[in-house]
């Protein structure tokens, strides 16, 4: 189990690395280039950089462990798109971003990590929230 946690910590650390240039001088950013890491959003201590939602490691971290987190995600979806449902799946893949806390919490026998999820639209976050994810381990 310790090896699995160490491996996840390394994965989180690698997610914190940004291979893009954070400042683009003299260029207009295209819609594909706009993201929360490029401008007006300083990296924050104890958090990875923002990553596209469709790259979230669902095979390593399970979300929706509490009704509060699940309801919060539905509320965020409504604030972003004006509705909740599968019709928003394509929009989510284009506008949802996430970042991971750099610390892992141990509660009982399980390890948890905080995940901030945001809806990035028109060069700003329309909505954000923090949820807890349980780190999946091979038993």
N, C-alpha and C. Protein backbone atom coordinates (compact mmCIF):
# COMPACT_ATOMS: atom_id res chain seq x y z
N UNK A 1 0.82 -1.18 0.00
CA UNK A 1 0.00 0.00 0.00
C UNK A 1 0.87 1.25 0.00
N UNK A 2 1.97 1.22 0.75
CA UNK A 2 2.86 2.36 0.80
C UNK A 2 3.44 2.66 -0.57
N UNK A 3 3.75 1.64 -1.34
CA UNK A 3 4.28 1.83 -2.69
C UNK A 3 3.22 2.49 -3.57
N UNK A 4 1.97 2.08 -3.45
CA UNK A 4 0.87 2.66 -4.23
C UNK A 4 0.72 4.14 -3.90
N UNK A 5 0.78 4.49 -2.61
CA UNK A 5 0.66 5.90 -2.20
C UNK A 5 1.84 6.69 -2.72
N UNK A 6 3.05 6.14 -2.62
CA UNK A 6 4.24 6.81 -3.12
C UNK A 6 4.12 7.04 -4.62
N UNK A 7 3.61 6.04 -5.34
CA UNK A 7 3.42 6.17 -6.78
C UNK A 7 2.43 7.28 -7.10
N UNK A 8 1.34 7.39 -6.31
CA UNK A 8 0.35 8.44 -6.54
C UNK A 8 0.95 9.81 -6.25
N UNK A 9 1.78 9.90 -5.19
CA UNK A 9 2.43 11.18 -4.88
C UNK A 9 3.32 11.60 -6.03
N UNK A 10 4.06 10.66 -6.61
CA UNK A 10 4.90 10.98 -7.76
C UNK A 10 4.03 11.42 -8.93
N UNK A 11 2.89 10.74 -9.15
CA UNK A 11 1.99 11.14 -10.23
C UNK A 11 1.47 12.54 -10.01
N UNK A 12 1.09 12.86 -8.76
CA UNK A 12 0.61 14.20 -8.45
C UNK A 12 1.71 15.22 -8.70
N UNK A 13 2.93 14.89 -8.31
CA UNK A 13 4.05 15.80 -8.53
C UNK A 13 4.27 16.04 -10.02
N UNK A 14 4.14 14.99 -10.82
CA UNK A 14 4.30 15.16 -12.26
C UNK A 14 3.19 16.00 -12.84
N UNK A 15 1.97 15.89 -12.29
CA UNK A 15 0.88 16.73 -12.76
C UNK A 15 1.15 18.20 -12.46
N UNK A 16 1.97 18.46 -11.43
CA UNK A 16 2.27 19.84 -11.08
C UNK A 16 3.23 20.49 -12.08
N UNK A 17 3.94 19.68 -12.84
CA UNK A 17 4.86 20.24 -13.81
C UNK A 17 4.09 20.80 -14.98
N UNK A 18 4.51 21.94 -15.47
CA UNK A 18 3.84 22.55 -16.61
C UNK A 18 4.85 22.72 -17.72
N UNK A 19 4.59 22.10 -18.85
CA UNK A 19 5.52 22.18 -19.96
C UNK A 19 5.14 23.27 -20.94
N UNK A 20 4.08 24.03 -20.63
CA UNK A 20 3.69 25.14 -21.49
C UNK A 20 4.31 26.42 -20.96
N UNK A 21 4.52 27.38 -21.83
CA UNK A 21 5.01 28.67 -21.41
C UNK A 21 3.87 29.43 -20.75
N UNK A 22 4.03 29.87 -19.50
CA UNK A 22 2.92 30.50 -18.82
C UNK A 22 2.56 31.88 -19.38
N UNK A 23 3.49 32.55 -20.02
CA UNK A 23 3.19 33.87 -20.56
C UNK A 23 3.44 33.85 -22.06
N UNK A 24 2.47 34.31 -22.80
CA UNK A 24 2.60 34.37 -24.24
C UNK A 24 2.64 35.85 -24.62
N UNK A 25 3.83 36.34 -24.93
CA UNK A 25 3.99 37.76 -25.22
C UNK A 25 3.69 38.06 -26.68
N UNK A 26 2.93 39.11 -26.90
CA UNK A 26 2.68 39.57 -28.26
C UNK A 26 1.81 38.66 -29.09
N UNK A 27 1.10 37.72 -28.47
CA UNK A 27 0.24 36.80 -29.20
C UNK A 27 -1.17 36.86 -28.65
N UNK A 28 -2.11 36.67 -29.51
CA UNK A 28 -3.49 36.50 -29.08
C UNK A 28 -3.72 35.01 -28.91
N UNK A 29 -4.25 34.62 -27.76
CA UNK A 29 -4.47 33.22 -27.50
C UNK A 29 -5.72 32.74 -28.24
N UNK A 30 -5.60 31.59 -28.87
CA UNK A 30 -6.77 31.00 -29.52
C UNK A 30 -7.61 30.33 -28.44
N UNK A 31 -8.85 29.95 -28.78
CA UNK A 31 -9.73 29.28 -27.82
C UNK A 31 -9.10 27.99 -27.31
N UNK A 32 -8.34 27.28 -28.15
CA UNK A 32 -7.71 26.03 -27.72
C UNK A 32 -6.59 26.28 -26.71
N UNK A 33 -5.97 27.47 -26.77
CA UNK A 33 -4.85 27.76 -25.88
C UNK A 33 -5.30 28.34 -24.54
N UNK A 34 -6.51 28.88 -24.48
CA UNK A 34 -6.95 29.50 -23.25
C UNK A 34 -7.11 28.44 -22.16
N UNK A 35 -6.47 28.66 -21.05
CA UNK A 35 -6.64 27.77 -19.91
C UNK A 35 -6.25 28.51 -18.64
N UNK A 36 -6.66 28.02 -17.51
CA UNK A 36 -6.44 28.73 -16.26
C UNK A 36 -4.99 28.90 -15.85
N UNK A 37 -4.07 28.18 -16.48
CA UNK A 37 -2.66 28.28 -16.09
C UNK A 37 -1.91 29.39 -16.82
N UNK A 38 -2.46 29.92 -17.88
CA UNK A 38 -1.68 30.81 -18.73
C UNK A 38 -1.60 32.25 -18.25
N UNK A 39 -2.66 32.78 -17.68
CA UNK A 39 -2.62 34.17 -17.26
C UNK A 39 -3.67 34.44 -16.20
N UNK A 40 -3.40 35.45 -15.41
CA UNK A 40 -4.29 35.93 -14.35
C UNK A 40 -4.60 34.88 -13.28
N UNK A 41 -3.98 33.76 -13.30
CA UNK A 41 -4.17 32.75 -12.26
C UNK A 41 -2.81 32.27 -11.81
N UNK A 42 -2.30 32.88 -10.78
CA UNK A 42 -0.99 32.50 -10.25
C UNK A 42 -1.06 31.09 -9.67
N UNK A 43 -0.02 30.27 -9.89
CA UNK A 43 0.01 28.96 -9.23
C UNK A 43 -0.09 29.16 -7.72
N UNK A 44 -0.80 28.28 -7.06
CA UNK A 44 -0.98 28.40 -5.62
C UNK A 44 -0.22 27.30 -4.90
N UNK A 45 0.38 27.69 -3.79
CA UNK A 45 1.13 26.76 -2.97
C UNK A 45 0.22 25.61 -2.54
N UNK A 46 0.73 24.41 -2.54
CA UNK A 46 0.05 23.19 -2.10
C UNK A 46 -0.96 22.64 -3.11
N UNK A 47 -0.97 23.17 -4.33
CA UNK A 47 -1.87 22.67 -5.37
C UNK A 47 -1.09 22.43 -6.66
N UNK A 48 -1.53 21.42 -7.42
CA UNK A 48 -0.96 21.20 -8.75
C UNK A 48 -1.48 22.29 -9.68
N UNK A 49 -0.98 22.33 -10.88
CA UNK A 49 -1.55 23.22 -11.88
C UNK A 49 -2.89 22.64 -12.34
N UNK A 50 -3.67 23.44 -13.00
CA UNK A 50 -4.96 23.00 -13.51
C UNK A 50 -4.76 22.06 -14.70
N UNK A 51 -5.60 21.02 -14.77
CA UNK A 51 -5.58 20.03 -15.86
C UNK A 51 -6.99 19.86 -16.40
N UNK A 52 -7.08 19.50 -17.67
CA UNK A 52 -8.39 19.26 -18.28
C UNK A 52 -9.08 18.09 -17.57
N UNK A 53 -10.38 18.20 -17.40
CA UNK A 53 -11.18 17.21 -16.68
C UNK A 53 -11.08 15.83 -17.32
N UNK A 54 -11.01 15.77 -18.65
CA UNK A 54 -10.99 14.45 -19.29
C UNK A 54 -9.67 13.71 -19.08
N UNK A 55 -8.69 14.32 -18.38
CA UNK A 55 -7.45 13.63 -18.02
C UNK A 55 -7.45 13.19 -16.55
N UNK A 56 -8.57 13.37 -15.85
CA UNK A 56 -8.63 13.02 -14.43
C UNK A 56 -8.37 11.52 -14.24
N UNK A 57 -7.52 11.14 -13.27
CA UNK A 57 -7.18 9.71 -13.07
C UNK A 57 -8.26 8.95 -12.29
N UNK A 58 -9.41 8.72 -12.93
CA UNK A 58 -10.52 8.03 -12.28
C UNK A 58 -10.15 6.62 -11.82
N UNK A 59 -9.13 6.02 -12.44
CA UNK A 59 -8.71 4.68 -12.03
C UNK A 59 -7.88 4.71 -10.75
N UNK A 60 -7.47 5.90 -10.29
CA UNK A 60 -6.66 6.03 -9.08
C UNK A 60 -7.38 6.76 -7.95
N UNK A 61 -8.38 7.60 -8.30
CA UNK A 61 -9.08 8.41 -7.31
C UNK A 61 -10.58 8.31 -7.56
N UNK A 62 -11.33 7.99 -6.51
CA UNK A 62 -12.79 7.90 -6.64
C UNK A 62 -13.44 9.15 -6.07
N UNK A 63 -14.35 9.74 -6.84
CA UNK A 63 -15.07 10.95 -6.42
C UNK A 63 -16.49 10.60 -6.00
N UNK A 64 -17.19 11.61 -5.49
CA UNK A 64 -18.60 11.44 -5.15
C UNK A 64 -18.82 10.57 -3.94
N UNK A 65 -17.92 10.63 -2.99
CA UNK A 65 -18.02 9.77 -1.81
C UNK A 65 -19.08 10.25 -0.82
N UNK A 66 -19.45 11.52 -0.90
CA UNK A 66 -20.47 12.03 0.03
C UNK A 66 -21.59 12.69 -0.76
N UNK A 67 -22.75 12.76 -0.14
CA UNK A 67 -23.88 13.45 -0.78
C UNK A 67 -23.57 14.92 -0.99
N UNK A 68 -22.80 15.51 -0.07
CA UNK A 68 -22.44 16.92 -0.19
C UNK A 68 -21.58 17.16 -1.43
N UNK A 69 -20.59 16.29 -1.66
CA UNK A 69 -19.75 16.43 -2.86
C UNK A 69 -20.56 16.20 -4.13
N UNK A 70 -21.38 15.17 -4.13
CA UNK A 70 -22.19 14.85 -5.30
C UNK A 70 -23.16 15.99 -5.62
N UNK A 71 -23.84 16.48 -4.60
CA UNK A 71 -24.76 17.61 -4.79
C UNK A 71 -24.04 18.87 -5.21
N UNK A 72 -22.84 19.08 -4.65
CA UNK A 72 -22.05 20.24 -5.02
C UNK A 72 -21.64 20.21 -6.49
N UNK A 73 -21.29 19.02 -6.98
CA UNK A 73 -20.93 18.89 -8.40
C UNK A 73 -22.15 19.18 -9.29
N UNK A 74 -23.33 18.73 -8.86
CA UNK A 74 -24.54 19.02 -9.63
C UNK A 74 -24.85 20.51 -9.61
N UNK A 75 -24.66 21.15 -8.46
CA UNK A 75 -24.88 22.59 -8.35
C UNK A 75 -23.90 23.35 -9.25
N UNK A 76 -22.64 22.92 -9.27
CA UNK A 76 -21.66 23.58 -10.13
C UNK A 76 -22.04 23.42 -11.60
N UNK A 77 -22.48 22.23 -11.98
CA UNK A 77 -22.90 22.00 -13.36
C UNK A 77 -24.05 22.94 -13.74
N UNK A 78 -25.01 23.11 -12.83
CA UNK A 78 -26.13 24.00 -13.10
C UNK A 78 -25.66 25.45 -13.24
N UNK A 79 -24.74 25.88 -12.36
CA UNK A 79 -24.23 27.25 -12.44
C UNK A 79 -23.45 27.49 -13.73
N UNK A 80 -22.83 26.43 -14.25
CA UNK A 80 -22.06 26.58 -15.49
C UNK A 80 -22.93 26.54 -16.74
N UNK A 81 -23.89 25.63 -16.78
CA UNK A 81 -24.63 25.38 -18.02
C UNK A 81 -26.12 25.65 -17.95
N UNK A 82 -26.64 25.96 -16.77
CA UNK A 82 -28.07 26.24 -16.64
C UNK A 82 -28.94 25.00 -16.59
N UNK A 83 -28.33 23.82 -16.57
CA UNK A 83 -29.07 22.56 -16.46
C UNK A 83 -28.12 21.49 -15.93
N UNK A 84 -28.70 20.36 -15.55
CA UNK A 84 -27.92 19.22 -15.06
C UNK A 84 -28.36 18.00 -15.86
N UNK A 85 -27.39 17.28 -16.43
CA UNK A 85 -27.74 16.07 -17.16
C UNK A 85 -26.68 15.67 -18.17
N UNK A 86 -26.92 14.54 -18.81
CA UNK A 86 -25.95 13.99 -19.75
C UNK A 86 -25.77 14.88 -20.99
N UNK A 87 -26.72 15.78 -21.24
CA UNK A 87 -26.57 16.69 -22.38
C UNK A 87 -25.39 17.64 -22.20
N UNK A 88 -24.85 17.73 -20.99
CA UNK A 88 -23.72 18.61 -20.71
C UNK A 88 -22.37 17.91 -20.79
N UNK A 89 -22.34 16.61 -21.06
CA UNK A 89 -21.08 15.87 -21.04
C UNK A 89 -20.04 16.45 -21.99
N UNK A 90 -20.43 16.80 -23.20
CA UNK A 90 -19.48 17.37 -24.17
C UNK A 90 -18.98 18.73 -23.69
N UNK A 91 -19.86 19.53 -23.10
CA UNK A 91 -19.47 20.84 -22.58
C UNK A 91 -18.48 20.69 -21.42
N UNK A 92 -18.71 19.68 -20.57
CA UNK A 92 -17.81 19.45 -19.44
C UNK A 92 -16.40 19.14 -19.92
N UNK A 93 -16.29 18.31 -20.95
CA UNK A 93 -14.95 17.94 -21.43
C UNK A 93 -14.22 19.16 -21.99
N UNK A 94 -14.93 20.18 -22.39
CA UNK A 94 -14.31 21.39 -22.92
C UNK A 94 -14.04 22.44 -21.84
N UNK A 95 -14.86 22.47 -20.78
CA UNK A 95 -14.75 23.59 -19.84
C UNK A 95 -14.39 23.19 -18.40
N UNK A 96 -14.47 21.91 -18.05
CA UNK A 96 -14.13 21.51 -16.68
C UNK A 96 -12.62 21.29 -16.56
N UNK A 97 -12.06 21.82 -15.49
CA UNK A 97 -10.65 21.66 -15.14
C UNK A 97 -10.57 21.21 -13.70
N UNK A 98 -9.46 20.58 -13.33
CA UNK A 98 -9.26 20.15 -11.95
C UNK A 98 -7.81 20.36 -11.56
N UNK A 99 -7.59 20.40 -10.25
CA UNK A 99 -6.23 20.37 -9.72
C UNK A 99 -6.27 19.62 -8.40
N UNK A 100 -5.13 19.03 -8.07
CA UNK A 100 -5.02 18.18 -6.88
C UNK A 100 -4.21 18.87 -5.80
N UNK A 101 -4.62 18.66 -4.56
CA UNK A 101 -3.82 19.13 -3.43
C UNK A 101 -2.54 18.30 -3.38
N UNK A 102 -1.48 18.89 -2.89
CA UNK A 102 -0.21 18.17 -2.82
C UNK A 102 -0.10 17.29 -1.58
N UNK A 103 -1.08 17.34 -0.68
CA UNK A 103 -1.04 16.55 0.54
C UNK A 103 -2.13 15.49 0.52
N UNK A 104 -1.81 14.35 1.08
CA UNK A 104 -2.76 13.25 1.21
C UNK A 104 -3.14 13.13 2.68
N UNK A 105 -4.44 13.01 2.96
CA UNK A 105 -4.94 12.87 4.33
C UNK A 105 -5.29 11.41 4.59
N UNK A 106 -4.92 10.94 5.75
CA UNK A 106 -5.29 9.57 6.14
C UNK A 106 -6.42 9.68 7.16
N UNK A 107 -7.58 9.11 6.81
CA UNK A 107 -8.73 9.09 7.70
C UNK A 107 -9.10 7.63 7.89
N UNK A 108 -8.93 7.15 9.10
CA UNK A 108 -9.14 5.72 9.35
C UNK A 108 -8.12 4.93 8.56
N UNK A 109 -8.59 3.98 7.75
CA UNK A 109 -7.69 3.17 6.93
C UNK A 109 -7.59 3.67 5.50
N UNK A 110 -8.29 4.74 5.17
CA UNK A 110 -8.31 5.24 3.80
C UNK A 110 -7.49 6.52 3.66
N UNK A 111 -6.98 6.73 2.46
CA UNK A 111 -6.24 7.94 2.14
C UNK A 111 -7.09 8.79 1.20
N UNK A 112 -7.18 10.07 1.54
CA UNK A 112 -7.99 11.01 0.79
C UNK A 112 -7.13 12.14 0.25
N UNK A 113 -7.62 12.75 -0.83
CA UNK A 113 -6.96 13.90 -1.40
C UNK A 113 -8.03 14.92 -1.78
N UNK A 114 -7.71 16.19 -1.61
CA UNK A 114 -8.64 17.24 -2.02
C UNK A 114 -8.46 17.52 -3.50
N UNK A 115 -9.58 17.73 -4.18
CA UNK A 115 -9.58 18.04 -5.61
C UNK A 115 -10.41 19.29 -5.80
N UNK A 116 -9.84 20.28 -6.45
CA UNK A 116 -10.62 21.47 -6.79
C UNK A 116 -11.04 21.33 -8.25
N UNK A 117 -12.33 21.47 -8.49
CA UNK A 117 -12.90 21.35 -9.83
C UNK A 117 -13.48 22.69 -10.19
N UNK A 118 -13.25 23.13 -11.42
CA UNK A 118 -13.78 24.41 -11.85
C UNK A 118 -14.28 24.36 -13.28
N UNK A 119 -15.18 25.27 -13.57
CA UNK A 119 -15.75 25.41 -14.90
C UNK A 119 -15.16 26.67 -15.53
N UNK A 120 -14.22 26.51 -16.45
CA UNK A 120 -13.47 27.61 -17.06
C UNK A 120 -14.16 28.02 -18.36
N UNK A 121 -14.75 29.23 -18.35
CA UNK A 121 -15.47 29.72 -19.52
C UNK A 121 -15.20 31.21 -19.67
N UNK A 122 -14.94 31.64 -20.90
CA UNK A 122 -14.72 33.06 -21.21
C UNK A 122 -13.63 33.67 -20.34
N UNK A 123 -12.50 32.95 -20.25
CA UNK A 123 -11.29 33.41 -19.57
C UNK A 123 -11.44 33.58 -18.06
N UNK A 124 -12.39 32.88 -17.44
CA UNK A 124 -12.53 32.93 -15.99
C UNK A 124 -13.28 31.69 -15.52
N UNK A 125 -13.17 31.42 -14.21
CA UNK A 125 -13.93 30.33 -13.63
C UNK A 125 -15.34 30.84 -13.34
N UNK A 126 -16.31 30.19 -13.94
CA UNK A 126 -17.70 30.53 -13.67
C UNK A 126 -18.11 29.95 -12.32
N UNK A 127 -17.57 28.79 -11.97
CA UNK A 127 -17.85 28.15 -10.69
C UNK A 127 -16.69 27.23 -10.34
N UNK A 128 -16.42 27.07 -9.03
CA UNK A 128 -15.39 26.15 -8.54
C UNK A 128 -15.88 25.52 -7.26
N UNK A 129 -15.35 24.35 -6.96
CA UNK A 129 -15.63 23.71 -5.68
C UNK A 129 -14.52 22.73 -5.34
N UNK A 130 -14.40 22.41 -4.07
CA UNK A 130 -13.41 21.44 -3.60
C UNK A 130 -14.15 20.21 -3.10
N UNK A 131 -13.73 19.05 -3.58
CA UNK A 131 -14.29 17.77 -3.15
C UNK A 131 -13.17 16.90 -2.62
N UNK A 132 -13.54 15.87 -1.88
CA UNK A 132 -12.56 14.88 -1.42
C UNK A 132 -12.65 13.67 -2.31
N UNK A 133 -11.51 13.12 -2.64
CA UNK A 133 -11.45 11.88 -3.39
C UNK A 133 -10.73 10.83 -2.57
N UNK A 134 -11.18 9.60 -2.67
CA UNK A 134 -10.49 8.51 -1.97
C UNK A 134 -9.49 7.89 -2.93
N UNK A 135 -8.30 7.68 -2.44
CA UNK A 135 -7.24 7.10 -3.26
C UNK A 135 -7.46 5.59 -3.31
N UNK A 136 -7.63 5.07 -4.49
CA UNK A 136 -7.90 3.65 -4.66
C UNK A 136 -6.60 2.86 -4.55
N UNK A 137 -6.65 1.78 -3.81
CA UNK A 137 -5.48 0.91 -3.66
C UNK A 137 -5.88 -0.51 -4.01
N UNK A 138 -4.90 -1.28 -4.43
CA UNK A 138 -5.13 -2.70 -4.68
C UNK A 138 -5.12 -3.42 -3.34
N UNK A 139 -6.20 -4.10 -3.04
CA UNK A 139 -6.28 -4.81 -1.74
C UNK A 139 -5.72 -6.19 -1.84
